[in-house]
Amino acid sequence: MAEDTLLYRNMSGTNGWRNPISGTGRTGFINLVQDFAALNRKNMRHTDNKGYPLSYVVEVEAIGETANAHTVEIFTAPETWVLKNAVRKWHAARNMMLERVGQLGQIGEYGKTIRPYLSVNHATLGIDARPTLGKLNYETTYTGGGDSPSYSEATSAALVDTGMNKGEWTYTEIGSTADSEDDTYGMPDRYHLVLAGDHSTDDGEAGSRHGYQYVSMMRSYLESRRSASSIIQTTDGGGTIQAEPNPLVNLMSDRISVGEVKEIVQDIQREKPPYDAFTATDSNALATNDALDLVSKCLLSTTTSYLKDKEVIRVPMGLLHVRASASGAVGAADAKTPGIRVRLLGSDNCQGCVS
């Protein structure tokens, strides 16, 4: 990539930053995929054409100033097998949706892959942070005429900070049939996708219709998975390897301890995962399911003496939630926030687990 660095310096409301933190900071969302695409005038994607989610490796640097100490904390979706499988499954489901209306092969370059929000909060804010550009303004004056005109060029303003003007970026929308608790079928539902966190429902006028405004890709994937059979999880051995004598098992083991081994296998089969099990029936899934939470990727700090701090992180799907604040109260609210420089180092497929 030709241009690999973005600077977010002016954290004002007009540049997409919201919710001042106790009057000393800002919070907002950064879509690196959109911003690097605008910077390089070239489309970039959250996934590849087969639906594998991409993880962007970036160096994040906080740039402070002498009046205040600053902190910058950055959150992303967790780079786990849940995210990887959820995005793949939704990519396939969206292709099926387009194929049903005969449009799968007719989608243009910018609509081939999914463009999700990071969370419902990201979606409801309705705006992404804008990078800062240094714009040089020149004035050129021409004099004379004929074959040898003369001209002079002067800088009217040395440097003007301005927010980047981006092109269109449409977040993915899905059309499907709404769930219904009565015998009414065929009621349409239309919603946007968010990567992590919870759903946002919109039941509308019909209380029996379960519609959505935003659907969490990760939660919906966990809800769609076939959990282990309840029979396997019982304590009476039902559905697990049989404890009764089995000549074949005995012959293959050729040990007098085969009965004990089978009991051990039963215990192993009943083991639960080393993390909180997802509970699909929760009305507020975020309350009890850590799998849907954003994760903190880095915490950068600057002081009035040490003005810079940086770290290299992986950003699944290129979506960031940023909280930037100052310890002091010097200057206006927007001025209290530090600058954030993001340098792209590379990208690869999201990893399902850490080995």
Protein backbone atom coordinates (compact mmCIF):
# COMPACT_ATOMS: atom_id res chain seq x y z
CA MET A 1 0.00 0.00 0.00
CA ALA A 2 1.32 3.44 -0.92
CA GLU A 3 -0.01 5.50 2.02
CA ASP A 4 0.02 3.58 5.29
CA THR A 5 -0.43 6.22 8.01
CA LEU A 6 -3.55 7.90 9.40
CA LEU A 7 -3.61 10.71 11.96
CA TYR A 8 -6.62 11.43 14.17
CA ARG A 9 -5.77 14.76 15.78
CA ASN A 10 -8.85 16.94 16.15
CA MET A 11 -11.29 14.91 18.25
CA SER A 12 -14.24 17.22 17.80
CA GLY A 13 -17.86 16.33 17.24
CA THR A 14 -17.60 17.41 13.62
CA ASN A 15 -14.89 14.79 13.09
CA GLY A 16 -16.99 11.94 14.43
CA TRP A 17 -16.07 11.93 18.13
CA ARG A 18 -18.84 11.74 20.68
CA ASN A 19 -19.72 11.61 24.37
CA PRO A 20 -17.16 13.69 26.25
CA ILE A 21 -15.76 11.64 29.15
CA SER A 22 -16.42 13.73 32.27
CA GLY A 23 -15.42 16.80 30.28
CA THR A 24 -11.87 15.55 29.78
CA GLY A 25 -11.97 13.39 26.71
CA ARG A 26 -13.78 11.76 23.83
CA THR A 27 -14.94 8.36 22.71
CA GLY A 28 -15.56 7.23 19.16
CA PHE A 29 -15.23 4.52 16.55
CA ILE A 30 -12.61 4.17 13.83
CA ASN A 31 -13.16 2.15 10.67
CA LEU A 32 -9.60 1.60 9.44
CA VAL A 33 -10.77 -0.23 6.32
CA GLN A 34 -12.88 2.72 5.22
CA ASP A 35 -10.21 5.30 6.10
CA PHE A 36 -7.32 3.55 4.35
CA ALA A 37 -9.57 3.03 1.32
CA ALA A 38 -10.32 6.77 1.23
CA LEU A 39 -6.66 7.70 1.78
CA ASN A 40 -5.40 5.50 -1.08
CA ARG A 41 -8.45 5.90 -3.32
CA LYS A 42 -8.70 2.13 -3.54
CA ASN A 43 -11.32 -0.24 -2.16
CA MET A 44 -10.41 -2.24 0.93
CA ARG A 45 -12.39 -4.98 2.64
CA HIS A 46 -13.19 -6.39 6.04
CA THR A 47 -13.09 -9.91 4.56
CA ASP A 48 -11.69 -11.58 1.49
CA ASN A 49 -13.97 -12.69 -1.35
CA LYS A 50 -14.55 -16.07 0.33
CA GLY A 51 -15.72 -14.48 3.56
CA TYR A 52 -12.62 -15.04 5.68
CA PRO A 53 -12.32 -12.08 8.08
CA LEU A 54 -9.14 -10.05 7.79
CA SER A 55 -7.09 -8.84 10.74
CA TYR A 56 -5.16 -5.61 10.26
CA VAL A 57 -1.81 -5.31 12.03
CA VAL A 58 -1.21 -1.68 12.98
CA GLU A 59 1.11 0.39 15.09
CA VAL A 60 -0.94 2.77 17.22
CA GLU A 61 0.79 5.83 18.65
CA ALA A 62 -0.63 8.33 21.12
CA ILE A 63 0.75 11.86 20.72
CA GLY A 64 0.37 14.09 23.76
CA GLU A 65 1.24 17.67 24.64
CA THR A 66 2.88 19.44 27.55
CA ALA A 67 -0.28 20.72 29.25
CA ASN A 68 -1.93 17.37 30.05
CA ALA A 69 -1.19 13.71 30.61
CA HIS A 70 -3.29 11.46 28.38
CA THR A 71 -4.55 7.91 28.16
CA VAL A 72 -5.85 6.13 25.08
CA GLU A 73 -7.53 2.74 25.38
CA ILE A 74 -8.47 0.82 22.26
CA PHE A 75 -11.02 -1.97 22.05
CA THR A 76 -11.69 -4.45 19.23
CA ALA A 77 -13.79 -7.53 18.69
CA PRO A 78 -12.09 -10.65 20.09
CA GLU A 79 -10.05 -12.51 17.49
CA THR A 80 -11.42 -15.98 18.26
CA TRP A 81 -12.89 -18.94 16.41
CA VAL A 82 -16.33 -17.50 17.19
CA LEU A 83 -15.61 -14.35 15.16
CA LYS A 84 -13.97 -16.30 12.35
CA ASN A 85 -16.83 -18.78 12.00
CA ALA A 86 -19.54 -16.17 12.50
CA VAL A 87 -18.27 -13.99 9.66
CA ARG A 88 -17.85 -16.97 7.35
CA LYS A 89 -21.37 -18.19 8.07
CA TRP A 90 -22.92 -14.76 7.54
CA HIS A 91 -20.97 -14.33 4.29
CA ALA A 92 -22.49 -17.59 3.00
CA ALA A 93 -25.97 -16.66 4.25
CA ARG A 94 -25.81 -13.24 2.58
CA ASN A 95 -24.75 -14.85 -0.71
CA MET A 96 -27.77 -17.17 -0.45
CA MET A 97 -29.99 -14.12 0.12
CA LEU A 98 -28.65 -12.47 -3.03
CA GLU A 99 -28.88 -15.70 -5.02
CA ARG A 100 -32.58 -16.08 -4.17
CA VAL A 101 -33.29 -12.89 -6.12
CA GLY A 102 -30.85 -13.71 -8.90
CA GLN A 103 -28.39 -10.94 -8.03
CA LEU A 104 -25.38 -12.77 -6.59
CA GLY A 105 -23.31 -12.33 -9.74
CA GLN A 106 -24.60 -8.82 -10.37
CA ILE A 107 -23.22 -7.12 -7.25
CA GLY A 108 -20.64 -4.42 -7.87
CA GLU A 109 -17.13 -4.24 -6.44
CA TYR A 110 -18.15 -2.41 -3.28
CA GLY A 111 -20.94 -4.77 -2.28
CA LYS A 112 -19.31 -8.18 -2.68
CA THR A 113 -18.31 -8.56 0.95
CA ILE A 114 -19.83 -7.74 4.32
CA ARG A 115 -19.34 -4.31 5.89
CA PRO A 116 -20.46 -4.55 9.53
CA TYR A 117 -20.58 -2.07 12.36
CA LEU A 118 -18.45 -2.97 15.37
CA SER A 119 -21.34 -2.84 17.86
CA VAL A 120 -24.84 -1.48 18.32
CA ASN A 121 -23.35 1.62 19.94
CA HIS A 122 -21.24 2.16 16.83
CA ALA A 123 -24.33 1.84 14.64
CA THR A 124 -26.52 4.15 16.69
CA LEU A 125 -23.87 6.88 16.72
CA GLY A 126 -24.12 6.78 12.95
CA ILE A 127 -20.72 8.34 12.26
CA ASP A 128 -17.09 7.22 12.17
CA ALA A 129 -14.10 9.25 13.25
CA ARG A 130 -12.45 11.22 10.45
CA PRO A 131 -8.67 11.31 10.03
CA THR A 132 -6.94 14.67 9.97
CA LEU A 133 -5.22 15.88 6.82
CA GLY A 134 -2.69 18.69 6.51
CA LYS A 135 -3.84 20.75 3.58
CA LEU A 136 -1.53 23.25 1.86
CA ASN A 137 -3.15 26.18 0.12
CA TYR A 138 -1.32 27.94 -2.73
CA GLU A 139 -2.01 31.10 -4.61
CA THR A 140 -0.59 31.44 -8.13
CA THR A 141 -0.46 34.82 -9.82
CA TYR A 142 0.20 35.15 -13.56
CA THR A 143 1.48 38.37 -15.10
CA GLY A 144 2.52 39.46 -18.54
CA GLY A 145 1.61 37.70 -21.72
CA GLY A 146 2.86 36.74 -25.11
CA ASP A 147 5.38 33.94 -25.48
CA SER A 148 6.98 34.37 -22.05
CA PRO A 149 4.42 34.98 -19.29
CA SER A 150 5.73 35.27 -15.75
CA TYR A 151 4.06 34.01 -12.62
CA SER A 152 4.58 33.92 -8.89
CA GLU A 153 3.44 31.27 -6.42
CA ALA A 154 2.94 31.94 -2.73
CA THR A 155 1.57 29.96 0.17
CA SER A 156 -1.58 31.59 1.50
CA ALA A 157 -1.69 29.35 4.58
CA ALA A 158 1.23 27.24 5.75
CA LEU A 159 -0.89 24.31 6.88
CA VAL A 160 -4.61 23.84 7.46
CA ASP A 161 -5.93 20.92 9.48
CA THR A 162 -9.04 19.48 7.93
CA GLY A 163 -11.02 16.29 8.28
CA MET A 164 -10.66 13.79 5.44
CA ASN A 165 -13.46 13.88 2.91
CA LYS A 166 -14.51 10.27 2.47
CA GLY A 167 -16.58 8.69 -0.25
CA GLU A 168 -19.66 6.53 0.24
CA TRP A 169 -19.41 3.60 2.67
CA THR A 170 -22.59 1.56 3.02
CA TYR A 171 -22.86 -0.81 5.95
CA THR A 172 -24.36 -4.20 5.15
CA GLU A 173 -28.13 -4.60 5.33
CA ILE A 174 -30.00 -7.90 5.44
CA GLY A 175 -33.57 -8.72 4.42
CA SER A 176 -35.23 -11.82 5.81
CA THR A 177 -38.42 -13.17 7.32
CA ALA A 178 -39.13 -12.15 10.91
CA ASP A 179 -39.65 -14.72 13.63
CA SER A 180 -43.27 -15.00 14.68
CA GLU A 181 -44.86 -16.62 17.71
CA ASP A 182 -48.24 -17.10 16.00
CA ASP A 183 -49.38 -18.56 12.71
CA THR A 184 -48.59 -15.43 10.73
CA TYR A 185 -45.86 -16.05 8.16
CA GLY A 186 -44.15 -13.99 5.56
CA MET A 187 -43.63 -10.83 7.60
CA PRO A 188 -40.44 -9.18 6.35
CA ASP A 189 -37.57 -8.03 8.52
CA ARG A 190 -34.71 -5.74 7.59
CA TYR A 191 -31.67 -5.00 9.71
CA HIS A 192 -27.97 -4.09 9.74
CA LEU A 193 -25.15 -6.32 10.94
CA VAL A 194 -22.89 -5.56 13.89
CA LEU A 195 -19.80 -7.65 14.54
CA ALA A 196 -19.76 -8.04 18.32
CA GLY A 197 -22.01 -7.38 21.28
CA ASP A 198 -25.75 -7.90 21.47
CA HIS A 199 -28.72 -7.62 19.13
CA SER A 200 -31.04 -4.62 19.06
CA THR A 201 -34.65 -5.62 18.57
CA ASP A 202 -37.58 -3.77 17.11
CA ASP A 203 -40.83 -5.65 17.60
CA GLY A 204 -42.90 -2.94 15.96
CA GLU A 205 -46.66 -2.80 16.40
CA ALA A 206 -47.19 -6.55 16.34
CA GLY A 207 -46.04 -7.86 19.71
CA SER A 208 -45.82 -11.43 18.40
CA ARG A 209 -43.37 -10.44 15.67
CA HIS A 210 -39.71 -10.52 16.68
CA GLY A 211 -37.87 -8.07 14.45
CA TYR A 212 -34.40 -6.56 14.63
CA GLN A 213 -32.72 -3.25 14.00
CA TYR A 214 -29.21 -4.64 14.42
CA VAL A 215 -28.08 -8.26 14.58
CA SER A 216 -24.84 -9.33 16.25
CA MET A 217 -22.95 -11.66 13.93
CA MET A 218 -21.18 -13.35 16.83
CA ARG A 219 -24.24 -13.82 19.03
CA SER A 220 -26.38 -15.13 16.17
CA TYR A 221 -23.65 -17.62 15.27
CA LEU A 222 -23.45 -18.92 18.83
CA GLU A 223 -27.24 -19.19 18.93
CA SER A 224 -27.27 -21.17 15.69
CA ARG A 225 -24.70 -23.75 16.75
CA ARG A 226 -25.82 -27.17 17.77
CA SER A 227 -24.83 -27.48 21.40
CA ALA A 228 -23.79 -30.78 22.90
CA SER A 229 -26.68 -33.17 23.37
CA SER A 230 -28.38 -32.92 26.74
CA ILE A 231 -28.16 -36.69 26.91
CA ILE A 232 -24.38 -36.54 26.80
CA GLN A 233 -24.38 -34.01 29.62
CA THR A 234 -26.41 -36.20 31.99
CA THR A 235 -24.75 -37.92 34.92
CA ASP A 236 -26.15 -41.39 34.22
CA GLY A 237 -23.86 -42.10 31.27
CA GLY A 238 -26.63 -41.85 28.69
CA GLY A 239 -25.28 -41.09 25.24
CA THR A 240 -21.66 -41.65 26.23
CA ILE A 241 -19.48 -44.67 25.73
CA GLN A 242 -21.16 -47.71 27.28
CA ALA A 243 -19.85 -48.96 30.60
CA GLU A 244 -21.17 -52.52 30.07
CA PRO A 245 -18.64 -55.17 29.00
CA ASN A 246 -17.77 -54.94 25.33
CA PRO A 247 -15.64 -57.72 23.85
CA LEU A 248 -14.25 -55.59 21.06
CA VAL A 249 -13.20 -52.75 23.34
CA ASN A 250 -11.75 -55.24 25.79
CA LEU A 251 -9.82 -57.00 23.01
CA MET A 252 -8.41 -53.76 21.61
CA SER A 253 -7.40 -52.45 25.02
CA ASP A 254 -6.03 -55.81 26.20
CA ARG A 255 -5.82 -54.50 29.76
CA ILE A 256 -7.53 -55.45 32.97
CA SER A 257 -8.22 -51.76 33.66
CA VAL A 258 -10.57 -51.33 30.71
CA GLY A 259 -13.54 -50.71 33.01
CA GLU A 260 -11.74 -47.87 34.75
CA VAL A 261 -10.68 -46.41 31.41
CA LYS A 262 -14.26 -46.39 30.18
CA GLU A 263 -15.38 -44.58 33.32
CA ILE A 264 -12.65 -42.00 32.76
CA VAL A 265 -13.80 -41.57 29.16
CA GLN A 266 -17.35 -40.98 30.43
CA ASP A 267 -16.07 -38.23 32.72
CA ILE A 268 -14.11 -36.67 29.87
CA GLN A 269 -17.16 -36.68 27.63
CA ARG A 270 -19.14 -34.80 30.28
CA GLU A 271 -16.49 -32.10 30.71
CA LYS A 272 -17.63 -28.56 30.03
CA PRO A 273 -15.57 -25.95 28.15
CA PRO A 274 -13.02 -23.84 30.07
CA TYR A 275 -15.08 -20.69 29.48
CA ASP A 276 -18.58 -19.50 30.27
CA ALA A 277 -21.11 -21.37 28.20
CA PHE A 278 -23.18 -19.18 25.91
CA THR A 279 -26.79 -18.85 27.03
CA ALA A 280 -28.97 -18.12 24.03
CA THR A 281 -32.13 -17.54 26.06
CA ASP A 282 -30.87 -14.45 27.85
CA SER A 283 -32.85 -11.33 26.99
CA ASN A 284 -29.64 -9.37 27.48
CA ALA A 285 -26.91 -11.68 26.25
CA LEU A 286 -24.16 -9.21 27.13
CA ALA A 287 -24.97 -9.51 30.82
CA THR A 288 -23.76 -13.09 31.12
CA ASN A 289 -21.78 -13.92 27.99
CA ASP A 290 -18.17 -12.78 27.85
CA ALA A 291 -17.85 -14.10 24.29
CA LEU A 292 -19.73 -11.06 22.99
CA ASP A 293 -17.66 -8.40 24.76
CA LEU A 294 -15.11 -6.16 23.11
CA VAL A 295 -11.56 -6.72 24.32
CA SER A 296 -8.97 -4.12 25.30
CA LYS A 297 -6.04 -4.30 22.89
CA CYS A 298 -3.81 -1.57 24.28
CA LEU A 299 -3.62 1.24 26.82
CA LEU A 300 -1.33 4.08 25.77
CA SER A 301 -0.22 6.80 28.19
CA THR A 302 1.56 10.10 27.72
CA THR A 303 2.82 12.58 30.31
CA THR A 304 3.76 16.23 30.16
CA SER A 305 7.40 15.08 29.81
CA TYR A 306 7.01 11.98 27.64
CA LEU A 307 4.68 12.93 24.84
CA LYS A 308 4.49 9.67 22.90
CA ASP A 309 3.56 6.06 23.52
CA LYS A 310 2.91 3.35 20.95
CA GLU A 311 2.09 -0.32 20.55
CA VAL A 312 1.51 -2.83 17.75
CA ILE A 313 -1.89 -4.54 17.82
CA ARG A 314 -4.09 -6.75 15.64
CA VAL A 315 -7.47 -5.30 14.69
CA PRO A 316 -10.04 -7.88 13.54
CA MET A 317 -12.03 -6.54 10.59
CA GLY A 318 -10.30 -3.16 11.01
CA LEU A 319 -12.88 -1.82 13.48
CA LEU A 320 -11.82 0.09 16.63
CA HIS A 321 -13.53 1.62 19.65
CA VAL A 322 -11.33 4.37 21.11
CA ARG A 323 -11.51 6.12 24.47
CA ALA A 324 -9.14 9.05 24.82
CA SER A 325 -8.95 11.27 27.87
CA ALA A 326 -6.75 13.71 29.79
CA SER A 327 -5.91 13.80 33.48
CA GLY A 328 -5.94 17.58 33.70
CA ALA A 329 -8.36 20.33 32.80
CA VAL A 330 -6.18 22.57 30.68
CA GLY A 331 -7.81 23.84 27.51
CA ALA A 332 -11.14 23.13 25.84
CA ALA A 333 -12.64 19.64 25.88
CA ASP A 334 -11.50 18.81 22.34
CA ALA A 335 -8.01 20.12 23.01
CA LYS A 336 -7.61 17.82 26.00
CA THR A 337 -7.57 14.75 23.83
CA PRO A 338 -4.31 13.48 22.33
CA GLY A 339 -3.57 12.80 18.70
CA ILE A 340 -3.62 9.20 17.52
CA ARG A 341 -1.42 8.04 14.67
CA VAL A 342 -2.17 4.64 13.08
CA ARG A 343 0.38 3.02 10.76
CA LEU A 344 -0.63 -0.05 8.78
CA LEU A 345 1.96 -2.83 8.93
CA GLY A 346 0.05 -5.56 7.10
CA SER A 347 -3.01 -7.77 7.13
CA ASP A 348 -3.85 -11.46 7.13
CA ASN A 349 -6.75 -13.76 7.89
CA CYS A 350 -8.17 -13.63 11.40
CA GLN A 351 -6.88 -16.43 13.57
CA GLY A 352 -9.28 -18.83 15.26
CA CYS A 353 -7.08 -19.44 18.29
CA VAL A 354 -3.64 -18.80 19.71
CA SER A 355 -1.35 -21.83 19.57
